[in-house]
C-alpha atoms as a PDB file:
ATOM      1  CA  MET A   1      31.358  52.245  14.152  1.00  0.00           C
ATOM      2  CA  SER A   2      31.566  55.950  13.326  1.00  0.00           C
ATOM      3  CA  ALA A   3      33.060  58.417  15.764  1.00  0.00           C
ATOM      4  CA  SER A   4      29.704  60.160  16.143  1.00  0.00           C
ATOM      5  CA  SER A   5      28.131  56.943  17.480  1.00  0.00           C
ATOM      6  CA  ILE A   6      30.651  56.543  20.335  1.00  0.00           C
ATOM      7  CA  THR A   7      29.340  57.881  23.639  1.00  0.00           C
ATOM      8  CA  PRO A   8      31.601  60.092  25.787  1.00  0.00           C
ATOM      9  CA  ARG A   9      31.772  57.339  28.405  1.00  0.00           C
ATOM     10  CA  ASP A  10      32.854  54.740  25.824  1.00  0.00           C
ATOM     11  CA  ARG A  11      35.562  57.066  24.548  1.00  0.00           C
ATOM     12  CA  LEU A  12      37.422  56.731  27.844  1.00  0.00           C
ATOM     13  CA  ILE A  13      39.445  53.519  28.189  1.00  0.00           C
ATOM     14  CA  VAL A  14      40.875  53.104  31.676  1.00  0.00           C
ATOM     15  CA  ALA A  15      44.190  51.263  31.696  1.00  0.00           C
ATOM     16  CA  LEU A  16      44.262  48.617  34.415  1.00  0.00           C
ATOM     17  CA  ASP A  17      48.052  48.754  34.693  1.00  0.00           C
ATOM     18  CA  LEU A  18      47.989  47.025  38.053  1.00  0.00           C
ATOM     19  CA  PRO A  19      49.995  44.045  39.339  1.00  0.00           C
ATOM     20  CA  SER A  20      47.165  41.687  40.269  1.00  0.00           C
ATOM     21  CA  VAL A  21      43.675  40.678  39.268  1.00  0.00           C
ATOM     22  CA  SER A  22      42.393  41.409  42.772  1.00  0.00           C
ATOM     23  CA  GLU A  23      43.614  45.022  42.571  1.00  0.00           C
ATOM     24  CA  ALA A  24      42.204  45.407  39.068  1.00  0.00           C
ATOM     25  CA  ARG A  25      38.848  43.957  40.105  1.00  0.00           C
ATOM     26  CA  ALA A  26      38.720  46.333  43.088  1.00  0.00           C
ATOM     27  CA  MET A  27      39.431  49.277  40.774  1.00  0.00           C
ATOM     28  CA  VAL A  28      36.631  48.238  38.419  1.00  0.00           C
ATOM     29  CA  GLU A  29      34.247  47.982  41.371  1.00  0.00           C
ATOM     30  CA  ALA A  30      35.331  51.400  42.638  1.00  0.00           C
ATOM     31  CA  LEU A  31      34.747  52.990  39.229  1.00  0.00           C
ATOM     32  CA  GLY A  32      31.322  51.391  38.869  1.00  0.00           C
ATOM     33  CA  ASP A  33      29.223  52.523  35.935  1.00  0.00           C
ATOM     34  CA  THR A  34      31.369  55.631  35.410  1.00  0.00           C
ATOM     35  CA  VAL A  35      33.645  53.551  33.160  1.00  0.00           C
ATOM     36  CA  SER A  36      32.573  51.041  30.505  1.00  0.00           C
ATOM     37  CA  PHE A  37      35.863  50.307  28.728  1.00  0.00           C
ATOM     38  CA  TYR A  38      39.055  48.836  30.213  1.00  0.00           C
ATOM     39  CA  LYS A  39      42.547  48.132  28.921  1.00  0.00           C
ATOM     40  CA  ILE A  40      44.429  45.059  30.080  1.00  0.00           C
ATOM     41  CA  GLY A  41      48.113  45.318  29.218  1.00  0.00           C
ATOM     42  CA  LEU A  42      51.167  43.135  29.611  1.00  0.00           C
ATOM     43  CA  GLU A  43      51.632  43.578  33.367  1.00  0.00           C
ATOM     44  CA  LEU A  44      48.138  42.444  34.270  1.00  0.00           C
ATOM     45  CA  THR A  45      48.027  39.828  31.510  1.00  0.00           C
ATOM     46  CA  TYR A  46      50.956  38.051  33.121  1.00  0.00           C
ATOM     47  CA  GLY A  47      49.181  38.335  36.469  1.00  0.00           C
ATOM     48  CA  GLY A  48      46.043  36.489  35.331  1.00  0.00           C
ATOM     49  CA  GLY A  49      44.445  39.258  33.305  1.00  0.00           C
ATOM     50  CA  LEU A  50      43.077  37.073  30.523  1.00  0.00           C
ATOM     51  CA  SER A  51      40.644  35.428  32.934  1.00  0.00           C
ATOM     52  CA  LEU A  52      39.651  38.901  34.099  1.00  0.00           C
ATOM     53  CA  ALA A  53      39.027  39.888  30.487  1.00  0.00           C
ATOM     54  CA  ARG A  54      36.486  37.072  30.183  1.00  0.00           C
ATOM     55  CA  GLU A  55      34.918  38.065  33.489  1.00  0.00           C
ATOM     56  CA  LEU A  56      34.539  41.740  32.596  1.00  0.00           C
ATOM     57  CA  SER A  57      33.275  40.933  29.122  1.00  0.00           C
ATOM     58  CA  ALA A  58      30.573  38.744  30.667  1.00  0.00           C
ATOM     59  CA  GLN A  59      29.584  41.734  32.823  1.00  0.00           C
ATOM     60  CA  GLY A  60      29.026  43.840  29.721  1.00  0.00           C
ATOM     61  CA  LYS A  61      32.279  45.795  29.906  1.00  0.00           C
ATOM     62  CA  LYS A  62      34.293  46.483  26.780  1.00  0.00           C
ATOM     63  CA  ILE A  63      37.829  45.107  26.770  1.00  0.00           C
ATOM     64  CA  PHE A  64      40.989  46.324  25.083  1.00  0.00           C
ATOM     65  CA  LEU A  65      43.800  43.764  25.206  1.00  0.00           C
ATOM     66  CA  ASP A  66      47.028  45.674  24.740  1.00  0.00           C
ATOM     67  CA  LEU A  67      49.284  42.744  23.871  1.00  0.00           C
ATOM     68  CA  LYS A  68      51.226  44.334  20.978  1.00  0.00           C
ATOM     69  CA  LEU A  69      51.568  41.088  19.065  1.00  0.00           C
ATOM     70  CA  HIS A  70      54.604  40.731  16.819  1.00  0.00           C
ATOM     71  CA  ASP A  71      56.088  37.408  15.731  1.00  0.00           C
ATOM     72  CA  ILE A  72      56.244  35.197  12.674  1.00  0.00           C
ATOM     73  CA  PRO A  73      52.944  35.303  10.726  1.00  0.00           C
ATOM     74  CA  ASN A  74      51.701  31.855  11.758  1.00  0.00           C
ATOM     75  CA  THR A  75      52.184  32.603  15.454  1.00  0.00           C
ATOM     76  CA  VAL A  76      50.495  36.002  15.165  1.00  0.00           C
ATOM     77  CA  ALA A  77      47.507  34.516  13.351  1.00  0.00           C
ATOM     78  CA  ARG A  78      47.050  31.744  15.929  1.00  0.00           C
ATOM     79  CA  ALA A  79      47.410  34.170  18.855  1.00  0.00           C
ATOM     80  CA  THR A  80      44.867  36.543  17.309  1.00  0.00           C
ATOM     81  CA  ALA A  81      42.390  33.702  16.904  1.00  0.00           C
ATOM     82  CA  GLN A  82      42.834  32.811  20.579  1.00  0.00           C
ATOM     83  CA  VAL A  83      42.243  36.414  21.661  1.00  0.00           C
ATOM     84  CA  ALA A  84      39.070  36.546  19.569  1.00  0.00           C
ATOM     85  CA  GLU A  85      37.661  33.732  21.718  1.00  0.00           C
ATOM     86  CA  LEU A  86      37.989  35.868  24.870  1.00  0.00           C
ATOM     87  CA  GLY A  87      35.293  38.325  23.805  1.00  0.00           C
ATOM     88  CA  ALA A  88      37.699  41.280  23.638  1.00  0.00           C
ATOM     89  CA  ASN A  89      36.781  44.337  21.586  1.00  0.00           C
ATOM     90  CA  LEU A  90      40.238  45.680  20.728  1.00  0.00           C
ATOM     91  CA  LEU A  91      43.653  44.042  20.305  1.00  0.00           C
ATOM     92  CA  THR A  92      46.973  45.716  19.583  1.00  0.00           C
ATOM     93  CA  ILE A  93      49.516  44.413  17.118  1.00  0.00           C
ATOM     94  CA  HIS A  94      52.708  46.068  15.935  1.00  0.00           C
ATOM     95  CA  ALA A  95      52.373  47.924  12.639  1.00  0.00           C
ATOM     96  CA  TYR A  96      54.689  45.722  10.596  1.00  0.00           C
ATOM     97  CA  PRO A  97      53.114  44.623   7.284  1.00  0.00           C
ATOM     98  CA  GLN A  98      53.573  40.866   7.840  1.00  0.00           C
ATOM     99  CA  THR A  99      52.218  41.095  11.379  1.00  0.00           C
ATOM    100  CA  MET A 100      49.177  43.114  10.368  1.00  0.00           C
ATOM    101  CA  LYS A 101      48.290  40.831   7.462  1.00  0.00           C
ATOM    102  CA  ALA A 102      48.635  37.728   9.626  1.00  0.00           C
ATOM    103  CA  ALA A 103      46.416  39.101  12.390  1.00  0.00           C
ATOM    104  CA  GLN A 104      43.804  40.286   9.907  1.00  0.00           C
ATOM    105  CA  SER A 105      43.689  36.837   8.270  1.00  0.00           C
ATOM    106  CA  ALA A 106      42.736  35.238  11.603  1.00  0.00           C
ATOM    107  CA  LEU A 107      39.567  37.250  12.193  1.00  0.00           C
ATOM    108  CA  LYS A 108      36.344  35.380  11.482  1.00  0.00           C
ATOM    109  CA  GLY A 109      33.729  37.922  12.509  1.00  0.00           C
ATOM    110  CA  GLY A 110      32.839  38.804  16.086  1.00  0.00           C
ATOM    111  CA  PRO A 111      33.553  41.998  18.010  1.00  0.00           C
ATOM    112  CA  LEU A 112      37.364  41.977  17.881  1.00  0.00           C
ATOM    113  CA  ARG A 113      38.949  44.912  16.073  1.00  0.00           C
ATOM    114  CA  LEU A 114      42.666  45.311  15.439  1.00  0.00           C
ATOM    115  CA  LEU A 115      44.735  48.346  16.342  1.00  0.00           C
ATOM    116  CA  ALA A 116      48.206  48.735  14.866  1.00  0.00           C
ATOM    117  CA  VAL A 117      50.822  50.380  17.091  1.00  0.00           C
ATOM    118  CA  THR A 118      52.645  53.001  15.030  1.00  0.00           C
ATOM    119  CA  VAL A 119      55.329  54.482  17.335  1.00  0.00           C
ATOM    120  CA  MET A 120      55.249  54.128  21.104  1.00  0.00           C
ATOM    121  CA  THR A 121      54.350  57.383  22.865  1.00  0.00           C
ATOM    122  CA  SER A 122      57.441  57.048  25.066  1.00  0.00           C
ATOM    123  CA  TYR A 123      59.633  57.407  21.934  1.00  0.00           C
ATOM    124  CA  ASP A 124      60.842  60.561  20.226  1.00  0.00           C
ATOM    125  CA  ASP A 125      63.079  61.121  17.180  1.00  0.00           C
ATOM    126  CA  SER A 126      66.292  60.522  19.102  1.00  0.00           C
ATOM    127  CA  ASP A 127      64.979  57.213  20.480  1.00  0.00           C
ATOM    128  CA  LEU A 128      64.169  56.006  16.964  1.00  0.00           C
ATOM    129  CA  ALA A 129      67.589  57.068  15.712  1.00  0.00           C
ATOM    130  CA  ASN A 130      69.266  55.191  18.545  1.00  0.00           C
ATOM    131  CA  ALA A 131      67.237  52.104  17.614  1.00  0.00           C
ATOM    132  CA  GLY A 132      68.474  52.284  14.018  1.00  0.00           C
ATOM    133  CA  TYR A 133      65.376  53.657  12.278  1.00  0.00           C
ATOM    134  CA  ALA A 134      65.881  55.866   9.232  1.00  0.00           C
ATOM    135  CA  PHE A 135      62.674  57.807   9.893  1.00  0.00           C
ATOM    136  CA  GLY A 136      61.676  60.297  12.572  1.00  0.00           C
ATOM    137  CA  VAL A 137      58.439  59.865  14.511  1.00  0.00           C
ATOM    138  CA  LYS A 138      56.143  61.741  12.122  1.00  0.00           C
ATOM    139  CA  ASP A 139      57.440  60.071   8.965  1.00  0.00           C
ATOM    140  CA  LEU A 140      57.355  56.597  10.496  1.00  0.00           C
ATOM    141  CA  VAL A 141      53.818  57.108  11.803  1.00  0.00           C
ATOM    142  CA  ARG A 142      52.623  58.225   8.353  1.00  0.00           C
ATOM    143  CA  ARG A 143      54.272  55.248   6.676  1.00  0.00           C
ATOM    144  CA  ARG A 144      52.866  52.721   9.119  1.00  0.00           C
ATOM    145  CA  ALA A 145      49.411  54.288   9.006  1.00  0.00           C
ATOM    146  CA  GLU A 146      49.242  53.860   5.243  1.00  0.00           C
ATOM    147  CA  GLN A 147      50.469  50.266   5.516  1.00  0.00           C
ATOM    148  CA  ALA A 148      47.770  49.595   8.130  1.00  0.00           C
ATOM    149  CA  ARG A 149      45.086  50.951   5.837  1.00  0.00           C
ATOM    150  CA  GLN A 150      46.336  48.777   2.986  1.00  0.00           C
ATOM    151  CA  ALA A 151      46.232  45.733   5.274  1.00  0.00           C
ATOM    152  CA  GLY A 152      42.602  46.407   6.236  1.00  0.00           C
ATOM    153  CA  ILE A 153      43.393  47.121   9.892  1.00  0.00           C
ATOM    154  CA  ASP A 154      40.566  48.735  11.875  1.00  0.00           C
ATOM    155  CA  GLY A 155      42.549  51.390  13.682  1.00  0.00           C
ATOM    156  CA  LEU A 156      45.785  52.776  15.033  1.00  0.00           C
ATOM    157  CA  ILE A 157      47.459  53.408  18.343  1.00  0.00           C
ATOM    158  CA  LEU A 158      49.241  56.739  18.070  1.00  0.00           C
ATOM    159  CA  SER A 159      50.121  59.852  19.981  1.00  0.00           C
ATOM    160  CA  ALA A 160      47.477  62.557  20.140  1.00  0.00           C
ATOM    161  CA  GLU A 161      50.050  64.828  18.498  1.00  0.00           C
ATOM    162  CA  GLU A 162      49.700  62.806  15.280  1.00  0.00           C
ATOM    163  CA  VAL A 163      45.909  62.440  15.336  1.00  0.00           C
ATOM    164  CA  GLN A 164      44.897  65.552  13.383  1.00  0.00           C
ATOM    165  CA  GLU A 165      47.249  64.857  10.486  1.00  0.00           C
ATOM    166  CA  LEU A 166      46.419  61.149  10.398  1.00  0.00           C
ATOM    167  CA  ARG A 167      42.693  61.818  10.501  1.00  0.00           C
ATOM    168  CA  ALA A 168      43.096  63.979   7.404  1.00  0.00           C
ATOM    169  CA  GLN A 169      45.253  61.298   5.754  1.00  0.00           C
ATOM    170  CA  LEU A 170      43.029  58.316   6.564  1.00  0.00           C
ATOM    171  CA  GLY A 171      39.520  59.741   6.694  1.00  0.00           C
ATOM    172  CA  PRO A 172      36.745  59.091   9.231  1.00  0.00           C
ATOM    173  CA  GLN A 173      36.609  55.291   9.159  1.00  0.00           C
ATOM    174  CA  MET A 174      39.948  54.451  10.778  1.00  0.00           C
ATOM    175  CA  LEU A 175      39.684  54.148  14.560  1.00  0.00           C
ATOM    176  CA  LEU A 176      42.280  56.380  16.247  1.00  0.00           C
ATOM    177  CA  VAL A 177      43.166  55.449  19.835  1.00  0.00           C
ATOM    178  CA  THR A 178      45.541  57.599  21.850  1.00  0.00           C
ATOM    179  CA  PRO A 179      47.535  56.776  24.980  1.00  0.00           C
ATOM    180  CA  GLY A 180      49.704  59.425  26.614  1.00  0.00           C
ATOM    181  CA  ILE A 181      46.661  61.443  27.694  1.00  0.00           C
ATOM    182  CA  ARG A 182      47.103  63.558  30.787  1.00  0.00           C
ATOM    183  CA  PRO A 183      44.498  65.934  32.282  1.00  0.00           C
ATOM    184  CA  ALA A 184      45.863  69.443  32.799  1.00  0.00           C
ATOM    185  CA  GLY A 185      48.263  69.530  35.737  1.00  0.00           C
ATOM    186  CA  SER A 186      48.929  65.767  35.774  1.00  0.00           C
ATOM    187  CA  ASP A 187      52.409  64.264  35.949  1.00  0.00           C
ATOM    188  CA  ILE A 188      53.379  63.072  32.447  1.00  0.00           C
ATOM    189  CA  GLY A 189      55.511  60.251  33.887  1.00  0.00           C
ATOM    190  CA  ASP A 190      57.432  58.356  31.184  1.00  0.00           C
ATOM    191  CA  GLN A 191      55.391  59.777  28.302  1.00  0.00           C
ATOM    192  CA  LYS A 192      56.992  62.223  25.863  1.00  0.00           C
ATOM    193  CA  ARG A 193      54.133  63.076  23.477  1.00  0.00           C
ATOM    194  CA  VAL A 194      51.036  64.016  25.497  1.00  0.00           C
ATOM    195  CA  MET A 195      47.764  65.996  25.295  1.00  0.00           C
ATOM    196  CA  THR A 196      44.801  66.712  27.539  1.00  0.00           C
ATOM    197  CA  PRO A 197      41.569  64.754  26.934  1.00  0.00           C
ATOM    198  CA  ALA A 198      39.811  67.736  25.340  1.00  0.00           C
ATOM    199  CA  GLN A 199      42.741  68.479  23.051  1.00  0.00           C
ATOM    200  CA  ALA A 200      42.939  64.882  21.869  1.00  0.00           C
ATOM    201  CA  ILE A 201      39.214  64.606  21.147  1.00  0.00           C
ATOM    202  CA  LYS A 202      39.175  67.897  19.279  1.00  0.00           C
ATOM    203  CA  ALA A 203      42.136  66.704  17.221  1.00  0.00           C
ATOM    204  CA  GLY A 204      40.077  63.699  16.072  1.00  0.00           C
ATOM    205  CA  ALA A 205      40.792  60.856  18.508  1.00  0.00           C
ATOM    206  CA  ASP A 206      38.047  58.251  18.972  1.00  0.00           C
ATOM    207  CA  HIS A 207      39.231  56.721  22.255  1.00  0.00           C
ATOM    208  CA  LEU A 208      41.577  57.931  25.000  1.00  0.00           C
ATOM    209  CA  VAL A 209      43.610  55.446  27.030  1.00  0.00           C
ATOM    210  CA  ILE A 210      44.187  56.828  30.533  1.00  0.00           C
ATOM    211  CA  GLY A 211      45.718  54.938  33.429  1.00  0.00           C
ATOM    212  CA  ARG A 212      47.547  56.600  36.307  1.00  0.00           C
ATOM    213  CA  PRO A 213      45.522  59.860  36.352  1.00  0.00           C
ATOM    214  CA  VAL A 214      42.509  57.655  37.204  1.00  0.00           C
ATOM    215  CA  THR A 215      43.909  54.602  38.981  1.00  0.00           C
ATOM    216  CA  GLN A 216      46.306  56.564  41.194  1.00  0.00           C
ATOM    217  CA  ALA A 217      43.872  59.383  41.965  1.00  0.00           C
ATOM    218  CA  ALA A 218      42.681  59.913  45.530  1.00  0.00           C
ATOM    219  CA  ASP A 219      39.142  59.370  44.203  1.00  0.00           C
ATOM    220  CA  PRO A 220      39.339  57.306  40.976  1.00  0.00           C
ATOM    221  CA  ARG A 221      35.603  57.502  40.299  1.00  0.00           C
ATOM    222  CA  ALA A 222      35.616  61.305  40.541  1.00  0.00           C
ATOM    223  CA  ALA A 223      38.715  61.480  38.338  1.00  0.00           C
ATOM    224  CA  ALA A 224      37.109  59.302  35.673  1.00  0.00           C
ATOM    225  CA  SER A 225      33.862  61.250  35.847  1.00  0.00           C
ATOM    226  CA  ALA A 226      35.739  64.522  35.333  1.00  0.00           C
ATOM    227  CA  ILE A 227      37.474  63.117  32.260  1.00  0.00           C
ATOM    228  CA  VAL A 228      34.164  61.906  30.779  1.00  0.00           C
ATOM    229  CA  LYS A 229      32.700  65.375  31.329  1.00  0.00           C
ATOM    230  CA  GLU A 230      35.726  66.940  29.624  1.00  0.00           C
ATOM    231  CA  ILE A 231      35.274  64.586  26.679  1.00  0.00           C
ATOM    232  CA  GLU A 232      31.569  65.408  26.536  1.00  0.00           C
ATOM    233  CA  GLY A 233      32.398  69.114  26.352  1.00  0.00           C
ATOM    234  CA  ALA A 234      34.929  68.514  23.591  1.00  0.00           C
ATOM    235  CA  VAL A 235      32.477  66.637  21.331  1.00  0.00           C
ATOM    236  CA  ALA A 236      29.534  68.978  21.948  1.00  0.00           C
END
């Protein structure tokens, strides 16, 4: 799928970072046809989110399972094969060469595409140094992006701040998905590397993952609609 073929509505992925399936289902109903793509992360997964993924997929929604798989290769491959059976469209894995190769080996067609997590958007250079990494954020993202391309991974999870450089490095085919997106004036929360929706799209992002600015808004549907309109303006 080329970036030009993605509709503005499909570029928005709403993160259902909610504690229960009932709350997530209510949010999906409230958003209606304004949103077509949803992320189910660890919190909701442990609250029954995998069954919700099947349910939403059957309703024609697109599903991003943000599970960040990372384990020994055999376990990663088997887990990826299980996720593929759920009808999900996107799955995150950590951008370690063994992990990426194992996940890629498990795909047997179907809609599932793999996204490698480069560096979490809540991390900065000092966080990486404290964790024992020899690279800063930018250098580590570049290194992992190239390893992902060599492994045949479909796309990357990365900060919008790295999108423009990585788009130039990787070309148009790699799917670039950015969390840490905050509309102007929003609280950035625990994120450290953020951009507005328009800025991220103009930098070259394909999809924007946005949670709290939509799900905690007084009117989630209006908030999502405003973001889609901002995206539409950025790609015009």
